[in-house]
Amino acid sequence: MAEIFRIGARERVGALGATINTKGGCITDLSCGEQMVLFPQELIHNIDGSGVVRGGMHPCSPWFGPAQEPNQGPRHGFARDMDWDIDR
């Protein structure tokens, strides 16, 4: 089950803060004080009705782009599909 964590500046004042989704280890937003650093994550619907997540910062591990071998794994690696633990 995915959990959302806010670490760093809770009120977005004076420090670096991030919101992290444990499903895929995605940083859904990153701020420095009141200034957003990343494009906030959103669900964008295609013409065919399918939803695609855009924005934020996903991990690409252990490779970036397509896998080297057929059926080796998804584009940009498998880390973005795993459940992550956040150590505080």
Protein backbone atom coordinates (compact mmCIF):
# COMPACT_ATOMS: atom_id res chain seq x y z
CA MET A 1 0.00 0.00 0.00
CA ALA A 2 1.41 3.39 -0.98
CA GLU A 3 2.08 6.03 1.65
CA ILE A 4 2.88 9.70 1.11
CA PHE A 5 5.65 11.25 3.21
CA ARG A 6 6.56 14.93 3.53
CA ILE A 7 10.16 15.40 4.63
CA GLY A 8 12.09 18.58 5.26
CA ALA A 9 10.23 21.89 5.39
CA ARG A 10 6.67 21.07 6.39
CA GLU A 11 5.32 24.57 5.85
CA ARG A 12 7.41 25.21 2.71
CA VAL A 13 9.20 28.06 4.43
CA GLY A 14 12.96 28.52 4.44
CA ALA A 15 14.20 25.03 3.66
CA LEU A 16 14.21 22.21 1.17
CA GLY A 17 11.25 19.85 1.41
CA ALA A 18 9.99 16.89 -0.60
CA THR A 19 6.88 14.74 -0.82
CA ILE A 20 7.65 11.10 -1.60
CA ASN A 21 5.24 8.33 -2.61
CA THR A 22 6.42 4.93 -1.36
CA LYS A 23 4.88 3.25 -4.43
CA GLY A 24 7.76 3.54 -6.86
CA GLY A 25 9.82 5.92 -4.69
CA CYS A 26 8.53 8.88 -6.70
CA ILE A 27 9.25 12.41 -5.48
CA THR A 28 5.89 14.00 -6.26
CA ASP A 29 7.01 17.51 -5.39
CA LEU A 30 10.18 19.27 -4.29
CA SER A 31 10.25 22.78 -2.89
CA CYS A 32 12.81 25.26 -1.64
CA GLY A 33 10.95 27.60 0.67
CA GLU A 34 7.78 28.56 -1.17
CA GLN A 35 9.30 27.93 -4.64
CA MET A 36 8.42 24.64 -6.34
CA VAL A 37 11.50 23.04 -7.92
CA LEU A 38 9.82 20.17 -9.81
CA PHE A 39 6.75 20.19 -12.00
CA PRO A 40 4.11 18.77 -9.61
CA GLN A 41 2.93 15.27 -10.38
CA GLU A 42 -0.46 14.97 -12.08
CA LEU A 43 -2.55 12.30 -13.73
CA ILE A 44 -3.13 13.26 -17.35
CA HIS A 45 -5.82 11.49 -19.36
CA ASN A 46 -5.13 10.55 -22.98
CA ILE A 47 -7.75 10.81 -25.71
CA ASP A 48 -8.49 7.08 -25.30
CA GLY A 49 -9.27 7.65 -21.60
CA SER A 50 -6.17 5.95 -20.20
CA GLY A 51 -4.38 7.76 -17.44
CA VAL A 52 -0.67 8.56 -17.50
CA VAL A 53 1.28 10.02 -14.57
CA ARG A 54 3.39 13.03 -15.53
CA GLY A 55 5.67 15.24 -13.47
CA GLY A 56 7.57 14.56 -10.29
CA MET A 57 10.82 12.60 -10.32
CA HIS A 58 10.83 8.82 -10.74
CA PRO A 59 13.85 6.63 -10.06
CA CYS A 60 15.42 4.98 -13.10
CA SER A 61 17.18 1.88 -11.84
CA PRO A 62 19.02 -0.25 -12.65
CA TRP A 63 18.90 1.18 -16.20
CA PHE A 64 17.57 4.22 -18.05
CA GLY A 65 15.56 3.67 -21.22
CA PRO A 66 14.71 0.28 -22.67
CA ALA A 67 16.20 -2.89 -21.17
CA GLN A 68 19.31 -4.33 -22.83
CA GLU A 69 17.73 -7.73 -23.36
CA PRO A 70 14.17 -8.56 -24.51
CA ASN A 71 11.82 -9.36 -21.60
CA GLN A 72 14.45 -8.20 -19.09
CA GLY A 73 12.11 -5.64 -17.54
CA PRO A 74 10.18 -2.42 -18.03
CA ARG A 75 11.48 0.78 -19.56
CA HIS A 76 13.65 2.70 -17.05
CA GLY A 77 14.06 -0.37 -14.82
CA PHE A 78 11.97 -2.07 -12.20
CA ALA A 79 12.69 0.24 -9.22
CA ARG A 80 9.84 2.58 -10.12
CA ASP A 81 7.31 -0.27 -9.76
CA MET A 82 8.47 -1.43 -6.32
CA ASP A 83 7.27 -0.50 -2.84
CA TRP A 84 9.91 1.63 -1.07
CA ASP A 85 10.66 2.18 2.62
CA ILE A 86 11.45 5.70 3.77
CA ASP A 87 14.02 6.06 6.59
CA ARG A 88 13.60 9.28 8.52
